[in-house]
C-alpha atoms as a PDB file:
ATOM      1  CA  MET A   1     138.223  81.329  68.001  1.00  0.00           C
ATOM      2  CA  ALA A   2     140.433  80.625  70.975  1.00  0.00           C
ATOM      3  CA  HIS A   3     138.565  80.003  74.200  1.00  0.00           C
ATOM      4  CA  SER A   4     139.676  80.451  77.770  1.00  0.00           C
ATOM      5  CA  THR A   5     139.712  77.754  80.382  1.00  0.00           C
ATOM      6  CA  THR A   6     138.230  78.190  83.816  1.00  0.00           C
ATOM      7  CA  GLY A   7     139.030  77.150  87.333  1.00  0.00           C
ATOM      8  CA  ARG A   8     136.864  77.602  90.430  1.00  0.00           C
ATOM      9  CA  ARG A   9     137.448  78.021  94.132  1.00  0.00           C
ATOM     10  CA  THR A  10     134.980  78.884  96.843  1.00  0.00           C
ATOM     11  CA  SER A  11     134.961  80.962  99.999  1.00  0.00           C
ATOM     12  CA  SER A  12     132.482  82.193 102.598  1.00  0.00           C
ATOM     13  CA  HIS A  13     130.897  85.598 102.065  1.00  0.00           C
ATOM     14  CA  ARG A  14     130.207  88.240 104.718  1.00  0.00           C
ATOM     15  CA  GLY A  15     127.783  86.423 106.948  1.00  0.00           C
ATOM     16  CA  ARG A  16     125.165  85.488 104.377  1.00  0.00           C
ATOM     17  CA  GLY A  17     124.401  82.162 106.016  1.00  0.00           C
ATOM     18  CA  GLY A  18     127.444  80.399 104.617  1.00  0.00           C
ATOM     19  CA  THR A  19     126.481  81.177 101.049  1.00  0.00           C
ATOM     20  CA  VAL A  20     129.317  80.440  98.704  1.00  0.00           C
ATOM     21  CA  LEU A  21     130.492  82.746  95.957  1.00  0.00           C
ATOM     22  CA  ALA A  22     132.602  81.209  93.228  1.00  0.00           C
ATOM     23  CA  ALA A  23     135.707  82.958  92.021  1.00  0.00           C
ATOM     24  CA  VAL A  24     136.189  81.978  88.425  1.00  0.00           C
ATOM     25  CA  VAL A  25     139.266  83.021  86.579  1.00  0.00           C
ATOM     26  CA  ALA A  26     139.539  82.644  82.843  1.00  0.00           C
ATOM     27  CA  THR A  27     142.319  83.907  80.645  1.00  0.00           C
ATOM     28  CA  ALA A  28     142.598  83.452  76.911  1.00  0.00           C
ATOM     29  CA  VAL A  29     145.732  81.750  75.608  1.00  0.00           C
ATOM     30  CA  LEU A  30     146.909  84.207  73.026  1.00  0.00           C
ATOM     31  CA  GLY A  31     149.684  84.717  70.558  1.00  0.00           C
ATOM     32  CA  ALA A  32     153.071  86.318  70.877  1.00  0.00           C
ATOM     33  CA  CYS A  33     153.614  89.987  71.611  1.00  0.00           C
ATOM     34  CA  GLY A  34     153.228  92.635  68.938  1.00  0.00           C
ATOM     35  CA  GLY A  35     153.473  96.422  69.037  1.00  0.00           C
ATOM     36  CA  VAL A  36     153.105 100.652  68.789  1.00  0.00           C
ATOM     37  CA  GLU A  37     154.895 103.876  68.129  1.00  0.00           C
ATOM     38  CA  VAL A  38     153.377 107.183  67.085  1.00  0.00           C
ATOM     39  CA  ARG A  39     154.628 108.143  63.665  1.00  0.00           C
ATOM     40  CA  ASP A  40     156.706 111.297  63.665  1.00  0.00           C
ATOM     41  CA  GLY A  41     156.534 113.968  61.014  1.00  0.00           C
ATOM     42  CA  SER A  42     156.301 111.874  57.868  1.00  0.00           C
ATOM     43  CA  ASP A  43     154.426 113.590  55.043  1.00  0.00           C
ATOM     44  CA  GLU A  44     153.935 110.357  53.188  1.00  0.00           C
ATOM     45  CA  GLU A  45     150.272 109.507  52.609  1.00  0.00           C
ATOM     46  CA  PRO A  46     149.177 106.067  53.835  1.00  0.00           C
ATOM     47  CA  ALA A  47     148.366 103.417  51.280  1.00  0.00           C
ATOM     48  CA  ALA A  48     144.671 103.346  50.404  1.00  0.00           C
ATOM     49  CA  THR A  49     144.346  99.865  48.966  1.00  0.00           C
ATOM     50  CA  GLY A  50     143.992  97.997  52.245  1.00  0.00           C
ATOM     51  CA  GLU A  51     145.871  95.074  50.685  1.00  0.00           C
ATOM     52  CA  PRO A  52     148.570  93.518  52.868  1.00  0.00           C
ATOM     53  CA  ALA A  53     151.957  94.845  51.827  1.00  0.00           C
ATOM     54  CA  GLU A  54     153.984  91.759  52.646  1.00  0.00           C
ATOM     55  CA  GLY A  55     157.440  92.522  53.956  1.00  0.00           C
ATOM     56  CA  SER A  56     156.646  96.235  54.304  1.00  0.00           C
ATOM     57  CA  SER A  57     157.891  97.990  57.429  1.00  0.00           C
ATOM     58  CA  GLY A  58     156.845 101.503  56.449  1.00  0.00           C
ATOM     59  CA  PRO A  59     154.599 103.829  58.437  1.00  0.00           C
ATOM     60  CA  LEU A  60     150.996 102.827  59.043  1.00  0.00           C
ATOM     61  CA  GLU A  61     148.020 104.897  60.145  1.00  0.00           C
ATOM     62  CA  LEU A  62     145.277 103.012  61.952  1.00  0.00           C
ATOM     63  CA  ALA A  63     141.943 104.412  63.122  1.00  0.00           C
ATOM     64  CA  VAL A  64     140.823 102.963  66.467  1.00  0.00           C
ATOM     65  CA  LEU A  65     137.283 103.800  67.552  1.00  0.00           C
ATOM     66  CA  PRO A  66     135.674 102.845  70.881  1.00  0.00           C
ATOM     67  CA  LYS A  67     131.916 102.789  71.376  1.00  0.00           C
ATOM     68  CA  ALA A  68     132.319 106.037  73.271  1.00  0.00           C
ATOM     69  CA  VAL A  69     135.142 107.991  74.845  1.00  0.00           C
ATOM     70  CA  GLY A  70     135.404 108.704  78.555  1.00  0.00           C
ATOM     71  CA  HIS A  71     134.696 105.426  80.335  1.00  0.00           C
ATOM     72  CA  GLU A  72     137.521 103.610  82.126  1.00  0.00           C
ATOM     73  CA  PHE A  73     136.925 100.515  80.016  1.00  0.00           C
ATOM     74  CA  TRP A  74     137.631 102.334  76.770  1.00  0.00           C
ATOM     75  CA  ASN A  75     140.617 104.163  78.245  1.00  0.00           C
ATOM     76  CA  THR A  76     142.140 100.739  78.878  1.00  0.00           C
ATOM     77  CA  VAL A  77     141.321  99.621  75.336  1.00  0.00           C
ATOM     78  CA  ARG A  78     143.215 102.678  74.121  1.00  0.00           C
ATOM     79  CA  ALA A  79     146.218 101.825  76.299  1.00  0.00           C
ATOM     80  CA  GLY A  80     146.352  98.349  74.768  1.00  0.00           C
ATOM     81  CA  ALA A  81     146.077  99.709  71.223  1.00  0.00           C
ATOM     82  CA  GLU A  82     148.827 102.253  71.797  1.00  0.00           C
ATOM     83  CA  CYS A  83     151.031  99.614  73.430  1.00  0.00           C
ATOM     84  CA  ALA A  84     150.716  97.374  70.375  1.00  0.00           C
ATOM     85  CA  ALA A  85     151.509 100.320  68.101  1.00  0.00           C
ATOM     86  CA  GLU A  86     154.571 101.264  70.152  1.00  0.00           C
ATOM     87  CA  LEU A  87     155.967  97.740  70.053  1.00  0.00           C
ATOM     88  CA  ALA A  88     155.351  97.410  66.306  1.00  0.00           C
ATOM     89  CA  GLY A  89     157.095 100.683  65.488  1.00  0.00           C
ATOM     90  CA  ASP A  90     156.176 103.418  63.031  1.00  0.00           C
ATOM     91  CA  VAL A  91     152.434 102.986  63.613  1.00  0.00           C
ATOM     92  CA  THR A  92     150.106 105.899  64.276  1.00  0.00           C
ATOM     93  CA  VAL A  93     146.930 105.206  66.242  1.00  0.00           C
ATOM     94  CA  GLU A  94     144.200 107.733  65.477  1.00  0.00           C
ATOM     95  CA  TRP A  95     141.895 107.408  68.501  1.00  0.00           C
ATOM     96  CA  ASP A  96     138.467 108.965  68.055  1.00  0.00           C
ATOM     97  CA  GLY A  97     134.966 108.290  69.290  1.00  0.00           C
ATOM     98  CA  VAL A  98     131.531 109.660  70.020  1.00  0.00           C
ATOM     99  CA  THR A  99     130.740 110.917  73.519  1.00  0.00           C
ATOM    100  CA  ALA A 100     127.765 108.598  74.099  1.00  0.00           C
ATOM    101  CA  GLU A 101     127.063 105.038  72.976  1.00  0.00           C
ATOM    102  CA  THR A 102     123.611 106.164  71.883  1.00  0.00           C
ATOM    103  CA  ASP A 103     125.165 108.316  69.129  1.00  0.00           C
ATOM    104  CA  VAL A 104     125.049 105.582  66.517  1.00  0.00           C
ATOM    105  CA  GLU A 105     124.872 107.992  63.576  1.00  0.00           C
ATOM    106  CA  GLY A 106     127.906 109.813  64.917  1.00  0.00           C
ATOM    107  CA  GLN A 107     129.939 106.618  64.909  1.00  0.00           C
ATOM    108  CA  VAL A 108     128.803 105.767  61.381  1.00  0.00           C
ATOM    109  CA  ASN A 109     130.064 109.179  60.294  1.00  0.00           C
ATOM    110  CA  LEU A 110     133.404 108.654  62.048  1.00  0.00           C
ATOM    111  CA  VAL A 111     133.989 105.360  60.250  1.00  0.00           C
ATOM    112  CA  GLN A 112     133.070 106.936  56.921  1.00  0.00           C
ATOM    113  CA  ASN A 113     135.415 109.859  57.596  1.00  0.00           C
ATOM    114  CA  PHE A 114     138.329 107.506  58.171  1.00  0.00           C
ATOM    115  CA  VAL A 115     137.480 105.684  54.946  1.00  0.00           C
ATOM    116  CA  THR A 116     137.552 109.019  53.142  1.00  0.00           C
ATOM    117  CA  ARG A 117     140.945 109.771  54.720  1.00  0.00           C
ATOM    118  CA  GLN A 118     142.147 106.406  53.396  1.00  0.00           C
ATOM    119  CA  VAL A 119     143.743 105.170  56.605  1.00  0.00           C
ATOM    120  CA  ASP A 120     145.564 101.851  56.341  1.00  0.00           C
ATOM    121  CA  GLY A 121     143.207  99.974  58.654  1.00  0.00           C
ATOM    122  CA  ILE A 122     140.218 100.480  60.954  1.00  0.00           C
ATOM    123  CA  VAL A 123     139.806  98.849  64.373  1.00  0.00           C
ATOM    124  CA  TYR A 124     136.548  99.630  66.135  1.00  0.00           C
ATOM    125  CA  ALA A 125     133.699  98.580  68.427  1.00  0.00           C
ATOM    126  CA  ALA A 126     130.221  98.889  66.923  1.00  0.00           C
ATOM    127  CA  THR A 127     127.661 100.831  68.941  1.00  0.00           C
ATOM    128  CA  ASP A 128     124.854  99.130  67.001  1.00  0.00           C
ATOM    129  CA  SER A 129     125.418  95.802  65.291  1.00  0.00           C
ATOM    130  CA  THR A 130     122.940  96.417  62.468  1.00  0.00           C
ATOM    131  CA  ALA A 131     123.502 100.109  61.823  1.00  0.00           C
ATOM    132  CA  LEU A 132     127.291  99.763  61.590  1.00  0.00           C
ATOM    133  CA  ALA A 133     127.275  96.789  59.205  1.00  0.00           C
ATOM    134  CA  PRO A 134     127.093  99.008  56.085  1.00  0.00           C
ATOM    135  CA  ALA A 135     129.920 101.194  57.401  1.00  0.00           C
ATOM    136  CA  THR A 136     132.123  98.137  57.809  1.00  0.00           C
ATOM    137  CA  GLN A 137     131.263  96.957  54.320  1.00  0.00           C
ATOM    138  CA  GLY A 138     131.960 100.432  52.963  1.00  0.00           C
ATOM    139  CA  ALA A 139     135.485 100.301  54.377  1.00  0.00           C
ATOM    140  CA  LEU A 140     136.089  96.867  52.883  1.00  0.00           C
ATOM    141  CA  ASP A 141     134.755  98.016  49.512  1.00  0.00           C
ATOM    142  CA  ALA A 142     137.280 100.869  49.669  1.00  0.00           C
ATOM    143  CA  GLY A 143     140.081  98.344  50.200  1.00  0.00           C
ATOM    144  CA  ILE A 144     140.567  99.154  53.901  1.00  0.00           C
ATOM    145  CA  PRO A 145     140.763  96.120  56.219  1.00  0.00           C
ATOM    146  CA  VAL A 146     138.636  96.190  59.360  1.00  0.00           C
ATOM    147  CA  ALA A 147     138.967  94.470  62.732  1.00  0.00           C
ATOM    148  CA  MET A 148     136.278  94.632  65.415  1.00  0.00           C
ATOM    149  CA  ILE A 149     136.913  94.879  69.154  1.00  0.00           C
ATOM    150  CA  ASP A 150     134.382  94.199  71.902  1.00  0.00           C
ATOM    151  CA  SER A 151     131.330  94.354  69.595  1.00  0.00           C
ATOM    152  CA  GLY A 152     130.870  93.250  66.021  1.00  0.00           C
ATOM    153  CA  THR A 153     128.177  93.757  63.391  1.00  0.00           C
ATOM    154  CA  ASP A 154     125.272  91.762  61.996  1.00  0.00           C
ATOM    155  CA  PRO A 155     126.145  90.488  59.524  1.00  0.00           C
ATOM    156  CA  GLN A 156     129.825  90.137  60.388  1.00  0.00           C
ATOM    157  CA  PRO A 157     131.901  89.694  57.201  1.00  0.00           C
ATOM    158  CA  GLU A 158     133.993  86.539  57.195  1.00  0.00           C
ATOM    159  CA  ASP A 159     137.218  88.484  56.703  1.00  0.00           C
ATOM    160  CA  VAL A 160     136.536  90.842  59.639  1.00  0.00           C
ATOM    161  CA  PRO A 161     137.750  89.381  62.944  1.00  0.00           C
ATOM    162  CA  LEU A 162     136.289  90.066  66.383  1.00  0.00           C
ATOM    163  CA  TYR A 163     138.496  90.396  69.466  1.00  0.00           C
ATOM    164  CA  ALA A 164     136.090  90.209  72.355  1.00  0.00           C
ATOM    165  CA  THR A 165     134.851  88.551  75.507  1.00  0.00           C
ATOM    166  CA  ASP A 166     132.620  85.495  75.236  1.00  0.00           C
ATOM    167  CA  ASN A 167     129.823  87.659  76.613  1.00  0.00           C
ATOM    168  CA  ARG A 168     127.114  85.014  76.543  1.00  0.00           C
ATOM    169  CA  ALA A 169     129.124  82.433  78.500  1.00  0.00           C
ATOM    170  CA  ALA A 170     130.292  85.022  81.026  1.00  0.00           C
ATOM    171  CA  ALA A 171     126.722  86.234  81.597  1.00  0.00           C
ATOM    172  CA  VAL A 172     125.545  82.658  82.164  1.00  0.00           C
ATOM    173  CA  GLU A 173     128.186  82.377  84.874  1.00  0.00           C
ATOM    174  CA  ALA A 174     127.074  85.714  86.332  1.00  0.00           C
ATOM    175  CA  ALA A 175     123.595  84.233  86.811  1.00  0.00           C
ATOM    176  CA  ASN A 176     125.144  81.199  88.482  1.00  0.00           C
ATOM    177  CA  LEU A 177     127.149  83.406  90.825  1.00  0.00           C
ATOM    178  CA  LEU A 178     124.041  85.385  91.720  1.00  0.00           C
ATOM    179  CA  ALA A 179     122.180  82.155  92.493  1.00  0.00           C
ATOM    180  CA  GLU A 180     125.033  80.838  94.649  1.00  0.00           C
ATOM    181  CA  GLU A 181     125.294  84.063  96.579  1.00  0.00           C
ATOM    182  CA  LEU A 182     121.557  84.245  97.239  1.00  0.00           C
ATOM    183  CA  GLY A 183     121.350  80.600  98.258  1.00  0.00           C
ATOM    184  CA  ALA A 184     118.250  78.485  98.826  1.00  0.00           C
ATOM    185  CA  GLY A 185     114.756  79.930  98.882  1.00  0.00           C
ATOM    186  CA  GLU A 186     112.731  82.076  96.489  1.00  0.00           C
ATOM    187  CA  HIS A 187     114.427  85.299  95.389  1.00  0.00           C
ATOM    188  CA  GLU A 188     113.446  88.219  93.180  1.00  0.00           C
ATOM    189  CA  VAL A 189     116.189  89.607  90.945  1.00  0.00           C
ATOM    190  CA  ALA A 190     116.617  92.389  88.394  1.00  0.00           C
ATOM    191  CA  LEU A 191     118.691  93.016  85.275  1.00  0.00           C
ATOM    192  CA  ILE A 192     120.117  96.409  84.376  1.00  0.00           C
ATOM    193  CA  GLU A 193     121.224  96.125  80.771  1.00  0.00           C
ATOM    194  CA  PHE A 194     122.816  99.002  78.870  1.00  0.00           C
ATOM    195  CA  GLN A 195     122.374  99.673  75.155  1.00  0.00           C
ATOM    196  CA  PRO A 196     119.702  97.728  73.229  1.00  0.00           C
ATOM    197  CA  GLY A 197     120.953  97.045  69.696  1.00  0.00           C
ATOM    198  CA  SER A 198     124.554  96.595  70.798  1.00  0.00           C
ATOM    199  CA  GLN A 199     125.853  93.101  70.133  1.00  0.00           C
ATOM    200  CA  THR A 200     127.476  92.867  73.560  1.00  0.00           C
ATOM    201  CA  ASN A 201     124.274  93.960  75.292  1.00  0.00           C
ATOM    202  CA  THR A 202     122.255  91.357  73.402  1.00  0.00           C
ATOM    203  CA  GLU A 203     124.708  88.586  74.243  1.00  0.00           C
ATOM    204  CA  ARG A 204     124.842  89.494  77.941  1.00  0.00           C
ATOM    205  CA  VAL A 205     121.062  89.676  78.225  1.00  0.00           C
ATOM    206  CA  GLU A 206     120.663  86.344  76.445  1.00  0.00           C
ATOM    207  CA  GLY A 207     123.391  84.710  78.523  1.00  0.00           C
ATOM    208  CA  PHE A 208     122.004  85.956  81.831  1.00  0.00           C
ATOM    209  CA  THR A 209     118.492  84.873  80.855  1.00  0.00           C
ATOM    210  CA  GLU A 210     119.827  81.445  79.901  1.00  0.00           C
ATOM    211  CA  GLY A 211     121.673  81.140  83.197  1.00  0.00           C
ATOM    212  CA  LEU A 212     118.666  82.322  85.166  1.00  0.00           C
ATOM    213  CA  ALA A 213     116.519  79.588  83.611  1.00  0.00           C
ATOM    214  CA  GLN A 214     118.713  77.023  85.368  1.00  0.00           C
ATOM    215  CA  HIS A 215     117.645  78.336  88.783  1.00  0.00           C
ATOM    216  CA  ASP A 216     113.941  77.889  89.457  1.00  0.00           C
ATOM    217  CA  ASN A 217     114.170  79.792  92.742  1.00  0.00           C
ATOM    218  CA  LEU A 218     115.126  83.057  91.013  1.00  0.00           C
ATOM    219  CA  THR A 219     112.444  85.238  89.444  1.00  0.00           C
ATOM    220  CA  LEU A 220     113.290  88.149  87.151  1.00  0.00           C
ATOM    221  CA  VAL A 221     110.963  90.972  88.242  1.00  0.00           C
ATOM    222  CA  GLY A 222     112.610  93.939  86.542  1.00  0.00           C
ATOM    223  CA  GLN A 223     114.693  94.603  83.438  1.00  0.00           C
ATOM    224  CA  GLN A 224     115.648  98.084  82.269  1.00  0.00           C
ATOM    225  CA  PRO A 225     118.408  99.641  80.114  1.00  0.00           C
ATOM    226  CA  SER A 226     120.760 102.294  81.476  1.00  0.00           C
ATOM    227  CA  HIS A 227     121.839 103.514  78.016  1.00  0.00           C
ATOM    228  CA  SER A 228     125.345 103.430  79.530  1.00  0.00           C
ATOM    229  CA  ASP A 229     124.561 106.405  81.729  1.00  0.00           C
ATOM    230  CA  VAL A 230     125.174 106.272  85.494  1.00  0.00           C
ATOM    231  CA  ASN A 231     122.300 108.615  86.322  1.00  0.00           C
ATOM    232  CA  GLU A 232     119.890 106.667  84.136  1.00  0.00           C
ATOM    233  CA  ALA A 233     121.037 103.413  85.751  1.00  0.00           C
ATOM    234  CA  ARG A 234     120.389 104.864  89.192  1.00  0.00           C
ATOM    235  CA  ARG A 235     116.936 106.085  88.174  1.00  0.00           C
ATOM    236  CA  VAL A 236     115.758 102.771  86.686  1.00  0.00           C
ATOM    237  CA  THR A 237     117.166 100.824  89.624  1.00  0.00           C
ATOM    238  CA  GLU A 238     115.325 103.101  92.047  1.00  0.00           C
ATOM    239  CA  ASP A 239     112.118 102.440  90.101  1.00  0.00           C
ATOM    240  CA  ILE A 240     112.666  98.687  90.262  1.00  0.00           C
ATOM    241  CA  LEU A 241     113.375  98.845  94.007  1.00  0.00           C
ATOM    242  CA  THR A 242     110.201 100.839  94.603  1.00  0.00           C
ATOM    243  CA  ALA A 243     108.090  98.417  92.588  1.00  0.00           C
ATOM    244  CA  ASN A 244     109.747  95.342  94.120  1.00  0.00           C
ATOM    245  CA  PRO A 245     110.501  95.891  97.825  1.00  0.00           C
ATOM    246  CA  ASN A 246     111.582  92.257  98.203  1.00  0.00           C
ATOM    247  CA  LEU A 247     114.278  92.502  95.539  1.00  0.00           C
ATOM    248  CA  ALA A 248     117.250  90.379  96.574  1.00  0.00           C
ATOM    249  CA  GLY A 249     119.712  90.560  93.698  1.00  0.00           C
ATOM    250  CA  ILE A 250     120.814  92.620  90.698  1.00  0.00           C
ATOM    251  CA  PHE A 251     122.921  91.832  87.671  1.00  0.00           C
ATOM    252  CA  ALA A 252     124.241  95.069  86.119  1.00  0.00           C
ATOM    253  CA  ALA A 253     125.719  94.491  82.686  1.00  0.00           C
ATOM    254  CA  ASN A 254     128.326  97.248  82.218  1.00  0.00           C
ATOM    255  CA  GLU A 255     130.295  99.886  84.118  1.00  0.00           C
ATOM    256  CA  PRO A 256     127.722 102.737  84.199  1.00  0.00           C
ATOM    257  CA  SER A 257     124.941 100.252  84.990  1.00  0.00           C
ATOM    258  CA  VAL A 258     126.881  98.860  87.941  1.00  0.00           C
ATOM    259  CA  LEU A 259     127.741 102.267  89.371  1.00  0.00           C
ATOM    260  CA  GLY A 260     124.204 103.586  89.036  1.00  0.00           C
ATOM    261  CA  ALA A 261     122.653 100.431  90.496  1.00  0.00           C
ATOM    262  CA  ALA A 262     125.053 100.513  93.452  1.00  0.00           C
ATOM    263  CA  GLN A 263     124.195 104.156  94.116  1.00  0.00           C
ATOM    264  CA  ALA A 264     120.468 103.361  94.119  1.00  0.00           C
ATOM    265  CA  VAL A 265     120.914 100.433  96.487  1.00  0.00           C
ATOM    266  CA  GLU A 266     123.038 102.540  98.823  1.00  0.00           C
ATOM    267  CA  ALA A 267     120.492 105.378  98.783  1.00  0.00           C
ATOM    268  CA  ALA A 268     117.815 102.855  99.731  1.00  0.00           C
ATOM    269  CA  GLY A 269     119.902 101.779 102.725  1.00  0.00           C
ATOM    270  CA  ARG A 270     120.236  98.238 101.408  1.00  0.00           C
ATOM    271  CA  SER A 271     123.951  97.935 100.615  1.00  0.00           C
ATOM    272  CA  GLY A 272     125.193  94.504 101.613  1.00  0.00           C
ATOM    273  CA  GLU A 273     121.608  93.244 101.700  1.00  0.00           C
ATOM    274  CA  ILE A 274     120.950  93.242  97.958  1.00  0.00           C
ATOM    275  CA  VAL A 275     123.491  91.156  96.073  1.00  0.00           C
ATOM    276  CA  ILE A 276     125.021  92.968  93.095  1.00  0.00           C
ATOM    277  CA  ILE A 277     126.888  91.071  90.399  1.00  0.00           C
ATOM    278  CA  GLY A 278     128.496  93.650  88.123  1.00  0.00           C
ATOM    279  CA  TRP A 279     130.417  93.883  84.862  1.00  0.00           C
ATOM    280  CA  ASP A 280     133.745  95.669  84.218  1.00  0.00           C
ATOM    281  CA  ALA A 281     136.276  96.952  86.735  1.00  0.00           C
ATOM    282  CA  ALA A 282     136.390 100.737  86.955  1.00  0.00           C
ATOM    283  CA  PRO A 283     138.093 101.992  90.162  1.00  0.00           C
ATOM    284  CA  ASP A 284     134.749 102.787  91.822  1.00  0.00           C
ATOM    285  CA  GLU A 285     133.511  99.296  90.998  1.00  0.00           C
ATOM    286  CA  VAL A 286     136.586  97.692  92.535  1.00  0.00           C
ATOM    287  CA  ALA A 287     136.178  99.912  95.595  1.00  0.00           C
ATOM    288  CA  GLY A 288     132.592  98.676  95.887  1.00  0.00           C
ATOM    289  CA  LEU A 289     133.812  95.108  95.629  1.00  0.00           C
ATOM    290  CA  ARG A 290     136.352  95.633  98.395  1.00  0.00           C
ATOM    291  CA  SER A 291     133.731  97.240 100.669  1.00  0.00           C
ATOM    292  CA  GLY A 292     131.206  94.450 100.134  1.00  0.00           C
ATOM    293  CA  GLN A 293     128.722  96.658  98.308  1.00  0.00           C
ATOM    294  CA  ILE A 294     129.308  94.575  95.177  1.00  0.00           C
ATOM    295  CA  SER A 295     129.558  90.788  95.468  1.00  0.00           C
ATOM    296  CA  ALA A 296     131.438  89.986  92.265  1.00  0.00           C
ATOM    297  CA  LEU A 297     132.628  91.618  89.052  1.00  0.00           C
ATOM    298  CA  VAL A 298     132.806  90.135  85.584  1.00  0.00           C
ATOM    299  CA  VAL A 299     136.096  91.619  84.426  1.00  0.00           C
ATOM    300  CA  GLN A 300     136.987  91.668  80.772  1.00  0.00           C
ATOM    301  CA  ASN A 301     140.435  92.304  79.343  1.00  0.00           C
ATOM    302  CA  PRO A 302     139.979  95.576  77.441  1.00  0.00           C
ATOM    303  CA  PHE A 303     143.742  96.087  77.220  1.00  0.00           C
ATOM    304  CA  ASN A 304     143.958  92.830  75.278  1.00  0.00           C
ATOM    305  CA  MET A 305     141.147  93.887  72.932  1.00  0.00           C
ATOM    306  CA  GLY A 306     142.965  97.045  71.869  1.00  0.00           C
ATOM    307  CA  TYR A 307     146.301  95.256  71.840  1.00  0.00           C
ATOM    308  CA  LEU A 308     145.188  92.366  69.623  1.00  0.00           C
ATOM    309  CA  GLY A 309     143.192  94.615  67.313  1.00  0.00           C
ATOM    310  CA  VAL A 310     146.222  96.775  66.497  1.00  0.00           C
ATOM    311  CA  LYS A 311     148.873  94.041  66.686  1.00  0.00           C
ATOM    312  CA  ASN A 312     147.053  91.712  64.305  1.00  0.00           C
ATOM    313  CA  MET A 313     146.085  94.524  61.939  1.00  0.00           C
ATOM    314  CA  VAL A 314     149.745  95.578  61.688  1.00  0.00           C
ATOM    315  CA  GLU A 315     150.819  91.991  61.007  1.00  0.00           C
ATOM    316  CA  HIS A 316     148.082  91.682  58.397  1.00  0.00           C
ATOM    317  CA  LEU A 317     149.203  94.832  56.593  1.00  0.00           C
ATOM    318  CA  ARG A 318     152.929  94.194  56.834  1.00  0.00           C
ATOM    319  CA  GLU A 319     153.170  90.426  56.556  1.00  0.00           C
ATOM    320  CA  GLY A 320     149.889  89.313  55.013  1.00  0.00           C
ATOM    321  CA  THR A 321     148.928  87.390  58.148  1.00  0.00           C
ATOM    322  CA  PRO A 322     145.222  86.427  58.005  1.00  0.00           C
ATOM    323  CA  LEU A 323     142.974  88.222  60.489  1.00  0.00           C
ATOM    324  CA  GLU A 324     141.372  85.699  62.833  1.00  0.00           C
ATOM    325  CA  SER A 325     139.007  86.254  65.768  1.00  0.00           C
ATOM    326  CA  ALA A 326     140.055  85.547  69.356  1.00  0.00           C
ATOM    327  CA  ASP A 327     138.442  85.333  72.779  1.00  0.00           C
ATOM    328  CA  THR A 328     140.188  87.989  74.867  1.00  0.00           C
ATOM    329  CA  GLY A 329     139.359  86.339  78.203  1.00  0.00           C
ATOM    330  CA  VAL A 330     137.372  87.093  81.329  1.00  0.00           C
ATOM    331  CA  THR A 331     138.013  87.036  85.078  1.00  0.00           C
ATOM    332  CA  PHE A 332     135.414  86.853  87.851  1.00  0.00           C
ATOM    333  CA  LEU A 333     136.620  88.935  90.772  1.00  0.00           C
ATOM    334  CA  THR A 334     135.557  88.699  94.408  1.00  0.00           C
ATOM    335  CA  GLN A 335     136.955  90.079  97.644  1.00  0.00           C
ATOM    336  CA  GLU A 336     138.906  86.840  97.965  1.00  0.00           C
ATOM    337  CA  ASN A 337     140.851  87.003  94.687  1.00  0.00           C
ATOM    338  CA  VAL A 338     140.997  90.724  93.870  1.00  0.00           C
ATOM    339  CA  ASP A 339     144.548  91.057  95.182  1.00  0.00           C
ATOM    340  CA  THR A 340     145.997  88.048  93.368  1.00  0.00           C
ATOM    341  CA  GLU A 341     148.766  88.590  90.839  1.00  0.00           C
ATOM    342  CA  GLU A 342     146.516  87.458  87.989  1.00  0.00           C
ATOM    343  CA  ALA A 343     143.757  89.886  88.966  1.00  0.00           C
ATOM    344  CA  GLN A 344     146.111  92.814  89.389  1.00  0.00           C
ATOM    345  CA  ALA A 345     147.609  92.223  85.937  1.00  0.00           C
ATOM    346  CA  ILE A 346     144.128  92.755  84.487  1.00  0.00           C
ATOM    347  CA  LEU A 347     143.226  95.682  86.757  1.00  0.00           C
ATOM    348  CA  GLU A 348     146.546  97.521  86.347  1.00  0.00           C
ATOM    349  CA  PRO A 349     147.799  96.597  82.863  1.00  0.00           C
ATOM    350  CA  SER A 350     151.196  97.772  81.690  1.00  0.00           C
ATOM    351  CA  CYS A 351     152.880  97.733  78.330  1.00  0.00           C
ATOM    352  CA  ASP A 352     156.020  96.532  80.108  1.00  0.00           C
ATOM    353  CA  ASN A 353     154.135  93.390  81.133  1.00  0.00           C
ATOM    354  CA  PRO A 354     150.901  93.355  79.113  1.00  0.00           C
ATOM    355  CA  PRO A 355     148.120  90.929  80.211  1.00  0.00           C
ATOM    356  CA  VAL A 356     147.881  89.233  76.842  1.00  0.00           C
ATOM    357  CA  GLY A 357     148.547  85.586  77.537  1.00  0.00           C
END
């Protein structure tokens, strides 16, 4: 797996006693460009064997499934997948997903439906690492290659790659950023996770807990899941604030968790007082970063996830190229670096200049 390198610079932060917030930028060094184009009007059925057809340049139909449709993160994954398909040519991306990440059975059924349809390849993010493992194996048994994006399964077959963030390492750094922002003294902090059972949730919780253990002055007083729902995130954050009036910091582990936590903090009249380290970069999150409501954002590269998943699957099917996992990179954004060229390439990705290395 390719890993990103990091650099760090520091800057003062809105009058919090000279506390320093690190801006860490990490970008994966990835392979050459690949591509997408929606297939037009061919009545030819896709091959069902899943075996790489070396030298083939015929039409391909790929199923691409997010954890759930609707969130900005997954919209960007879709843009990357469709970009890769367009550049490759004669590739159809069938985008489909459940409406909530809690609908694990629904996603299992979607994967099975695409196996029944005998698509050429499946690229997807597992809502539950254990529950989706049999669905992945079922596709492989049917001769359909599978690539995972964002979240894999347990077990993860050796021939199924994962294109994802190094969630554990990024969450460790999130804990470090929270500690730096809070500074010296004893501080109570909270964790708003999202979907128990999801591989990415597990890795972020474990990474944050590991990072927190390195800072004896931080005490975790509350930990609740949002189930990737903004309203639920707001409710659990409000409960934590009520139970812990001295709360000083929050790590929110995905987009809905961040937005809900920020709403609860604002409703309590404590914006700018409680440090929020968030995950993802939806427009409302970036707006909160610019206003000072959010101190830093752990920004993945969802465009690259969709892009690599489709690009490498096409190369596997057409050229026999082995499918290999890759770290898709992460950027830590603050008010100080949000307007840099590197940050804007991640926040506003384009197929004309894709942020893929």
